[in-house]
Amino acid sequence: MRPVEAIDDLAAKAVFFSRRVSLAAQPQSYNAVMPIVQKERRRTEHRNASSRNLDQLSPEAILRLMSREDRKVAVAVARELRHIARAVKAIVRGMQSGGRLIYVGAGTSGRLAVLDAAECPPTFGTSPQLVQALIAGGKRAVTGAVEGAEDSVAKGARDLRKKKLRKNDVVVGIAASGTTPYVLGALKYARERGAMTIALTSNRHMPLARLAKIVIAPQVGPEVLTGSTRLKAGTCQKMVLNMLSTAVMVRLGHAYENLMIDLALTNEKLSDRGRRILVEASGKSASTAEHALRRSGHNLRVALVMLKTGVNAREAKRRIASANGNLRQALAQ
C-alpha cells in the first residue's frame, strides 16, 4: 500500500497527517496514528461550548440542551437544498439511463445508508438492486462494531469494484468527518470509473468533498457529546438521505399525488394501507376499491386506472404499458 501522502487526489493532501503513515504497515486505526495538530479542522470533533458541563446537568437540562442543538440540524440542511436538488437530478438521470444509486459509509453513516436503501423496495416497489448500500465491515457492521473496517482505502475500492460499477451509476459517499478511508477509497474508485460522485459530510473542506462532483455539507457544528457524530451529524444524514431517495422516486413516477402508488402489499398492515390509498386516490368506496384491487392482482397502479377510467384490468395494464409506466399519462391527466 502506498503512503497516505502519495495518494494525492484521494487524501487530498490532508493536513492532519504531518508524517508519512503507511496504511498497510500500521495496525492502529487511522485516528490512533493522527499526530497532535495545532487545530482540529473537523468541526464535528470540536468541543461544544454549550455542553462543557454536560456531566453536571440534570436529565431535564441535558434534554433541553440536546433539543436546542437539534433545532440547528434542519436549518443546516435547508442551506444545502440547492446541492441536494443537483444530486436528485443527477440520480434521476442516472437511473433513467439504467444506472443505480449506491451509498457508501462506515459506522453510523453506513447504517443509515443501509436503512434508506432497505426502505426503497417496500415503499416504492423498486428492485433491491436499484438502491444499494455498502457499509465498511459488511453485514456484521450493521448491528455491531467491526474494528478497523473503516480504516482501509483498499477495502472501499474493493467492495465497490464487486458491484461492477457502471458509468450511469451514482455513488454517494457518506462520512461526517469527511476523512473516512473506506469511503474515500470507494469514491476515488467511482471517479476513476466515470460514475457520478456525491459527498454527504458535515465537514466541507475535507478530502471526501474534493473527490465528489456534488458536495452536500450541512454545517451542524460540534456535538453535545464531543465527537459523537451519531447525534446532529447522523440526524442530518438521515434527513438528506430521506430527501434524496424520496425526491428521486417521486420524480421517477413512484408516487401518485402524495400517495405510495407502488407500495409493496406484503403484509396485512400494508394491504390495508393499499386499500386506503386507492380510496383516497379514486374517491371510491372501500368495498369498490377492494374489488378493483382483487381484480387487478393486487396491483395498485392497475387498480387505480380501473377505478378512475372504468376499464377492466387488461385494458388498464395496456394503458399503463403504452404510457411507459407514466400513471398520469395512462389516466389522461
Protein backbone atom coordinates (compact mmCIF):
# COMPACT_ATOMS: atom_id res chain seq x y z
CA MET A 1 0.00 0.00 0.00
CA ARG A 2 1.32 3.48 -0.84
CA PRO A 3 1.88 6.03 1.93
CA VAL A 4 -1.07 8.29 2.61
CA GLU A 5 0.86 11.32 1.28
CA ALA A 6 1.27 9.54 -2.04
CA ILE A 7 -2.48 9.04 -2.53
CA ASP A 8 -2.64 12.55 -3.90
CA ASP A 9 -6.22 13.06 -5.02
CA LEU A 10 -7.67 10.54 -2.55
CA ALA A 11 -6.32 12.05 0.64
CA ALA A 12 -6.22 15.49 -0.99
CA LYS A 13 -3.00 16.25 0.87
CA ALA A 14 -4.90 16.21 4.15
CA VAL A 15 -3.08 18.46 6.58
CA PHE A 16 -3.94 16.39 9.60
CA PHE A 17 -1.19 13.89 8.63
CA SER A 18 2.17 15.56 9.36
CA ARG A 19 4.31 12.47 8.83
CA ARG A 20 4.27 9.51 6.44
CA VAL A 21 1.95 6.71 7.52
CA SER A 22 1.60 3.51 5.54
CA LEU A 23 -1.93 2.19 5.82
CA ALA A 24 -0.72 -1.33 5.22
CA ALA A 25 2.08 -1.18 7.75
CA GLN A 26 0.15 0.40 10.61
CA PRO A 27 -2.08 -1.93 12.67
CA GLN A 28 -3.69 1.01 14.51
CA SER A 29 -6.78 2.81 13.32
CA TYR A 30 -6.29 5.97 11.26
CA ASN A 31 -7.49 8.04 14.21
CA ALA A 32 -4.93 6.38 16.51
CA VAL A 33 -1.98 7.41 14.33
CA MET A 34 -3.06 11.01 13.89
CA PRO A 35 -0.39 13.34 15.25
CA ILE A 36 -1.09 16.20 17.61
CA VAL A 37 -2.02 19.20 15.48
CA GLN A 38 -2.35 22.88 16.16
CA LYS A 39 -6.07 22.90 15.37
CA GLU A 40 -8.57 20.15 14.56
CA ARG A 41 -10.04 21.02 11.16
CA ARG A 42 -13.09 18.79 11.53
CA ARG A 43 -15.72 20.90 13.25
CA THR A 44 -17.61 17.78 14.28
CA GLU A 45 -14.63 16.94 16.51
CA HIS A 46 -14.57 20.29 18.28
CA ARG A 47 -15.90 20.71 21.81
CA ASN A 48 -19.31 22.35 22.08
CA ALA A 49 -19.03 25.34 24.43
CA SER A 50 -22.68 24.94 25.43
CA SER A 51 -22.15 21.44 26.81
CA ARG A 52 -18.81 21.68 28.63
CA ASN A 53 -20.53 20.92 31.95
CA LEU A 54 -22.67 18.15 30.45
CA ASP A 55 -21.82 15.64 33.17
CA GLN A 56 -23.13 18.00 35.85
CA LEU A 57 -26.53 18.68 34.28
CA SER A 58 -29.86 17.21 35.36
CA PRO A 59 -31.68 14.89 32.92
CA GLU A 60 -34.08 17.71 32.01
CA ALA A 61 -31.21 20.14 31.37
CA ILE A 62 -29.39 17.61 29.18
CA LEU A 63 -32.51 17.10 27.11
CA ARG A 64 -33.19 20.82 26.75
CA LEU A 65 -29.62 21.32 25.58
CA MET A 66 -29.86 18.49 23.05
CA SER A 67 -33.19 19.81 21.81
CA ARG A 68 -31.70 23.27 21.24
CA GLU A 69 -28.79 21.78 19.33
CA ASP A 70 -31.05 19.53 17.25
CA ARG A 71 -33.01 22.56 16.03
CA LYS A 72 -29.86 23.62 14.19
CA VAL A 73 -29.94 20.50 12.02
CA ALA A 74 -32.97 21.39 9.89
CA VAL A 75 -31.58 24.89 9.33
CA ALA A 76 -28.22 23.46 8.23
CA VAL A 77 -29.90 21.02 5.84
CA ALA A 78 -32.10 23.78 4.39
CA ARG A 79 -28.98 25.73 3.47
CA GLU A 80 -27.88 22.79 1.31
CA LEU A 81 -31.11 22.39 -0.70
CA ARG A 82 -29.53 23.68 -3.91
CA HIS A 83 -26.86 21.00 -3.74
CA ILE A 84 -29.36 18.31 -2.72
CA ALA A 85 -31.50 19.23 -5.74
CA ARG A 86 -28.47 18.87 -8.02
CA ALA A 87 -27.88 15.43 -6.55
CA VAL A 88 -31.51 14.41 -7.10
CA LYS A 89 -31.34 15.46 -10.75
CA ALA A 90 -28.09 13.56 -11.25
CA ILE A 91 -29.51 10.39 -9.67
CA VAL A 92 -32.69 10.60 -11.76
CA ARG A 93 -30.64 10.99 -14.94
CA GLY A 94 -28.51 8.03 -13.99
CA MET A 95 -31.48 5.78 -13.25
CA GLN A 96 -33.26 6.79 -16.43
CA SER A 97 -30.18 5.54 -18.27
CA GLY A 98 -30.17 2.23 -16.41
CA GLY A 99 -27.93 3.23 -13.52
CA ARG A 100 -28.12 2.50 -9.81
CA LEU A 101 -27.75 4.54 -6.64
CA ILE A 102 -25.04 3.16 -4.36
CA TYR A 103 -24.46 4.56 -0.88
CA VAL A 104 -21.11 4.01 0.85
CA GLY A 105 -20.48 4.63 4.55
CA ALA A 106 -18.96 3.35 7.77
CA GLY A 107 -20.36 3.12 11.29
CA THR A 108 -23.44 5.31 11.82
CA SER A 109 -23.18 6.67 8.27
CA GLY A 110 -23.17 3.16 6.83
CA ARG A 111 -26.08 2.02 8.99
CA LEU A 112 -28.18 4.99 7.92
CA ALA A 113 -27.31 4.20 4.30
CA VAL A 114 -28.39 0.57 4.75
CA LEU A 115 -31.65 1.72 6.33
CA ASP A 116 -32.53 4.11 3.50
CA ALA A 117 -31.67 1.58 0.79
CA ALA A 118 -33.66 -1.17 2.52
CA GLU A 119 -36.79 1.00 2.67
CA CYS A 120 -36.93 1.72 -1.07
CA PRO A 121 -38.32 -1.63 -2.34
CA PRO A 122 -41.29 -1.80 0.07
CA THR A 123 -42.05 1.92 -0.22
CA PHE A 124 -41.63 2.40 -3.96
CA GLY A 125 -41.89 -1.11 -5.39
CA THR A 126 -38.38 -0.96 -6.80
CA SER A 127 -35.83 -3.74 -7.23
CA PRO A 128 -33.39 -4.18 -4.32
CA GLN A 129 -30.66 -3.67 -6.94
CA LEU A 130 -31.74 -0.11 -7.76
CA VAL A 131 -30.68 1.46 -4.46
CA GLN A 132 -27.88 -0.32 -2.61
CA ALA A 133 -25.66 0.39 0.37
CA LEU A 134 -22.11 -0.60 1.20
CA ILE A 135 -21.04 -0.47 4.83
CA ALA A 136 -17.46 -0.94 6.00
CA GLY A 137 -17.25 -4.37 7.61
CA GLY A 138 -20.23 -5.79 5.70
CA LYS A 139 -23.44 -7.13 7.23
CA ARG A 140 -21.83 -7.68 10.65
CA ALA A 141 -21.26 -3.94 10.92
CA VAL A 142 -24.99 -3.19 10.68
CA THR A 143 -25.62 -4.38 14.22
CA GLY A 144 -22.18 -4.18 15.80
CA ALA A 145 -18.76 -2.60 15.55
CA VAL A 146 -16.24 -4.21 13.21
CA GLU A 147 -12.97 -2.77 14.43
CA GLY A 148 -10.70 -1.33 11.78
CA ALA A 149 -13.13 -1.91 8.91
CA GLU A 150 -13.36 1.78 8.05
CA ASP A 151 -9.59 2.33 8.07
CA SER A 152 -8.83 0.72 4.71
CA VAL A 153 -8.82 2.69 1.48
CA ALA A 154 -8.33 -0.53 -0.48
CA LYS A 155 -11.40 -2.24 1.00
CA GLY A 156 -13.64 0.64 -0.01
CA ALA A 157 -12.46 0.38 -3.61
CA ARG A 158 -12.63 -3.44 -3.49
CA ASP A 159 -16.21 -3.55 -2.22
CA LEU A 160 -17.38 -1.09 -4.85
CA ARG A 161 -15.48 -2.96 -7.57
CA LYS A 162 -17.51 -6.06 -6.70
CA LYS A 163 -20.65 -4.13 -7.65
CA LYS A 164 -19.37 -3.98 -11.26
CA LEU A 165 -19.78 -0.22 -11.30
CA ARG A 166 -21.07 1.39 -14.49
CA LYS A 167 -20.84 4.98 -15.75
CA ASN A 168 -24.58 5.51 -15.25
CA ASP A 169 -24.35 4.58 -11.57
CA VAL A 170 -24.27 7.27 -8.89
CA VAL A 171 -22.14 6.77 -5.77
CA VAL A 172 -22.88 8.73 -2.61
CA GLY A 173 -20.04 8.71 -0.09
CA ILE A 174 -21.27 9.43 3.45
CA ALA A 175 -18.85 10.44 6.21
CA ALA A 176 -19.47 13.06 8.87
CA SER A 177 -15.74 13.64 9.27
CA GLY A 178 -15.06 13.73 5.54
CA THR A 179 -11.90 11.68 6.15
CA THR A 180 -13.01 8.03 6.47
CA PRO A 181 -10.52 5.97 4.37
CA TYR A 182 -13.09 3.29 3.39
CA VAL A 183 -15.39 5.93 1.90
CA LEU A 184 -12.51 7.81 0.29
CA GLY A 185 -11.34 4.64 -1.41
CA ALA A 186 -14.80 3.90 -2.79
CA LEU A 187 -15.36 7.44 -4.07
CA LYS A 188 -11.91 7.56 -5.69
CA TYR A 189 -12.67 4.27 -7.48
CA ALA A 190 -16.08 5.59 -8.60
CA ARG A 191 -14.49 8.73 -10.01
CA GLU A 192 -11.89 6.69 -11.88
CA ARG A 193 -14.70 4.61 -13.42
CA GLY A 194 -16.51 7.72 -14.61
CA ALA A 195 -19.51 7.36 -12.29
CA MET A 196 -21.21 10.38 -10.75
CA THR A 197 -19.82 11.02 -7.26
CA ILE A 198 -21.67 12.78 -4.43
CA ALA A 199 -20.32 13.54 -0.97
CA LEU A 200 -22.52 13.84 2.13
CA THR A 201 -20.46 15.21 5.00
CA SER A 202 -20.57 17.67 7.89
CA ASN A 203 -17.08 18.97 7.12
CA ARG A 204 -16.94 20.66 3.71
CA HIS A 205 -13.20 21.29 3.40
CA MET A 206 -12.08 17.69 3.85
CA PRO A 207 -10.76 15.04 1.41
CA LEU A 208 -14.20 13.49 0.73
CA ALA A 209 -15.53 16.75 -0.69
CA ARG A 210 -12.56 17.01 -3.03
CA LEU A 211 -13.36 13.63 -4.58
CA ALA A 212 -17.00 14.47 -5.36
CA LYS A 213 -18.69 16.28 -8.22
CA ILE A 214 -21.54 17.31 -5.94
CA VAL A 215 -20.99 18.14 -2.27
CA ILE A 216 -23.78 18.22 0.32
CA ALA A 217 -22.33 19.55 3.56
CA PRO A 218 -24.79 20.67 6.26
CA GLN A 219 -22.71 22.53 8.85
CA VAL A 220 -24.23 21.24 12.09
CA GLY A 221 -21.28 22.23 14.27
CA PRO A 222 -19.82 20.46 17.33
CA GLU A 223 -21.82 17.72 19.02
CA VAL A 224 -23.25 17.92 22.54
CA LEU A 225 -21.09 14.86 23.32
CA THR A 226 -17.77 15.72 21.70
CA GLY A 227 -17.14 13.74 18.53
CA SER A 228 -20.32 11.63 18.80
CA THR A 229 -21.43 12.14 15.22
CA ARG A 230 -24.36 9.77 15.62
CA LEU A 231 -26.10 12.85 17.07
CA LYS A 232 -26.53 16.00 14.95
CA ALA A 233 -24.35 14.80 12.10
CA GLY A 234 -26.23 11.49 11.96
CA THR A 235 -29.59 13.26 12.11
CA CYS A 236 -28.70 15.48 9.19
CA GLN A 237 -27.51 12.45 7.19
CA LYS A 238 -30.84 10.73 7.80
CA MET A 239 -32.70 13.84 6.65
CA VAL A 240 -30.65 14.21 3.47
CA LEU A 241 -30.88 10.51 2.55
CA ASN A 242 -34.66 10.68 3.04
CA MET A 243 -34.74 13.69 0.73
CA LEU A 244 -32.59 12.06 -1.94
CA SER A 245 -34.44 8.74 -2.17
CA THR A 246 -37.93 10.23 -1.83
CA ALA A 247 -37.44 13.05 -4.34
CA VAL A 248 -35.75 10.70 -6.82
CA MET A 249 -38.53 8.12 -6.63
CA VAL A 250 -41.27 10.72 -6.92
CA ARG A 251 -39.58 12.20 -10.00
CA LEU A 252 -39.35 8.70 -11.48
CA GLY A 253 -43.12 8.29 -11.08
CA HIS A 254 -43.30 6.08 -8.00
CA ALA A 255 -45.98 8.26 -6.41
CA TYR A 256 -49.45 9.46 -7.39
CA GLU A 257 -50.19 12.83 -5.84
CA ASN A 258 -48.58 12.26 -2.42
CA LEU A 259 -49.56 8.59 -2.23
CA MET A 260 -47.33 5.49 -2.37
CA ILE A 261 -48.86 4.02 -5.51
CA ASP A 262 -46.14 1.36 -5.85
CA LEU A 263 -46.32 0.24 -2.22
CA ALA A 264 -45.48 -3.45 -1.80
CA LEU A 265 -48.52 -5.17 -0.24
CA THR A 266 -46.52 -7.73 1.70
CA ASN A 267 -48.49 -7.94 4.96
CA GLU A 268 -51.92 -7.11 6.35
CA LYS A 269 -50.91 -3.65 7.56
CA LEU A 270 -49.58 -2.71 4.14
CA SER A 271 -52.56 -4.28 2.37
CA ASP A 272 -54.85 -2.13 4.49
CA ARG A 273 -52.75 0.92 3.63
CA GLY A 274 -53.03 -0.02 -0.04
CA ARG A 275 -56.81 -0.08 0.17
CA ARG A 276 -56.83 3.31 1.84
CA ILE A 277 -54.54 4.67 -0.88
CA LEU A 278 -56.99 3.53 -3.54
CA VAL A 279 -59.92 5.09 -1.71
CA GLU A 280 -58.06 8.39 -1.36
CA ALA A 281 -56.81 8.43 -4.96
CA SER A 282 -60.04 7.34 -6.65
CA GLY A 283 -62.73 8.77 -4.41
CA LYS A 284 -64.49 5.40 -4.49
CA SER A 285 -65.82 3.41 -1.55
CA ALA A 286 -63.67 0.94 0.38
CA SER A 287 -65.63 -2.03 -0.96
CA THR A 288 -65.29 -0.83 -4.57
CA ALA A 289 -61.57 -0.26 -4.07
CA GLU A 290 -61.16 -3.73 -2.55
CA HIS A 291 -62.96 -5.32 -5.51
CA ALA A 292 -60.75 -3.49 -8.03
CA LEU A 293 -57.64 -4.44 -6.07
CA ARG A 294 -58.55 -8.13 -6.25
CA ARG A 295 -59.34 -7.93 -9.99
CA SER A 296 -56.01 -6.18 -10.63
CA GLY A 297 -53.98 -8.92 -8.98
CA HIS A 298 -53.29 -6.59 -6.05
CA ASN A 299 -51.54 -4.05 -8.25
CA LEU A 300 -52.31 -0.54 -7.00
CA ARG A 301 -51.47 1.15 -10.31
CA VAL A 302 -53.71 -1.13 -12.34
CA ALA A 303 -56.50 -0.89 -9.77
CA LEU A 304 -56.37 2.91 -9.80
CA VAL A 305 -56.63 3.10 -13.59
CA MET A 306 -59.60 0.71 -13.42
CA LEU A 307 -61.33 2.80 -10.76
CA LYS A 308 -60.75 6.17 -12.41
CA THR A 309 -61.47 5.19 -16.02
CA GLY A 310 -63.94 2.32 -15.69
CA VAL A 311 -61.87 -0.11 -17.79
CA ASN A 312 -61.09 -3.71 -16.92
CA ALA A 313 -57.73 -4.95 -15.62
CA ARG A 314 -56.44 -6.00 -19.02
CA GLU A 315 -57.13 -2.60 -20.58
CA ALA A 316 -55.70 -0.82 -17.54
CA LYS A 317 -52.43 -2.75 -17.92
CA ARG A 318 -52.34 -1.93 -21.64
CA ARG A 319 -52.76 1.78 -20.96
CA ILE A 320 -50.02 1.77 -18.36
CA ALA A 321 -47.67 -0.08 -20.71
CA SER A 322 -48.47 2.33 -23.57
CA ALA A 323 -47.60 5.22 -21.26
CA ASN A 324 -44.27 3.59 -20.32
CA GLY A 325 -45.45 3.39 -16.73
CA ASN A 326 -46.42 7.07 -16.52
CA LEU A 327 -49.55 6.88 -14.41
CA ARG A 328 -50.71 10.44 -15.12
CA GLN A 329 -50.48 9.78 -18.84
CA ALA A 330 -52.28 6.45 -18.51
CA LEU A 331 -55.09 8.32 -16.72
CA ALA A 332 -55.05 11.05 -19.43
CA GLN A 333 -54.35 13.68 -16.76
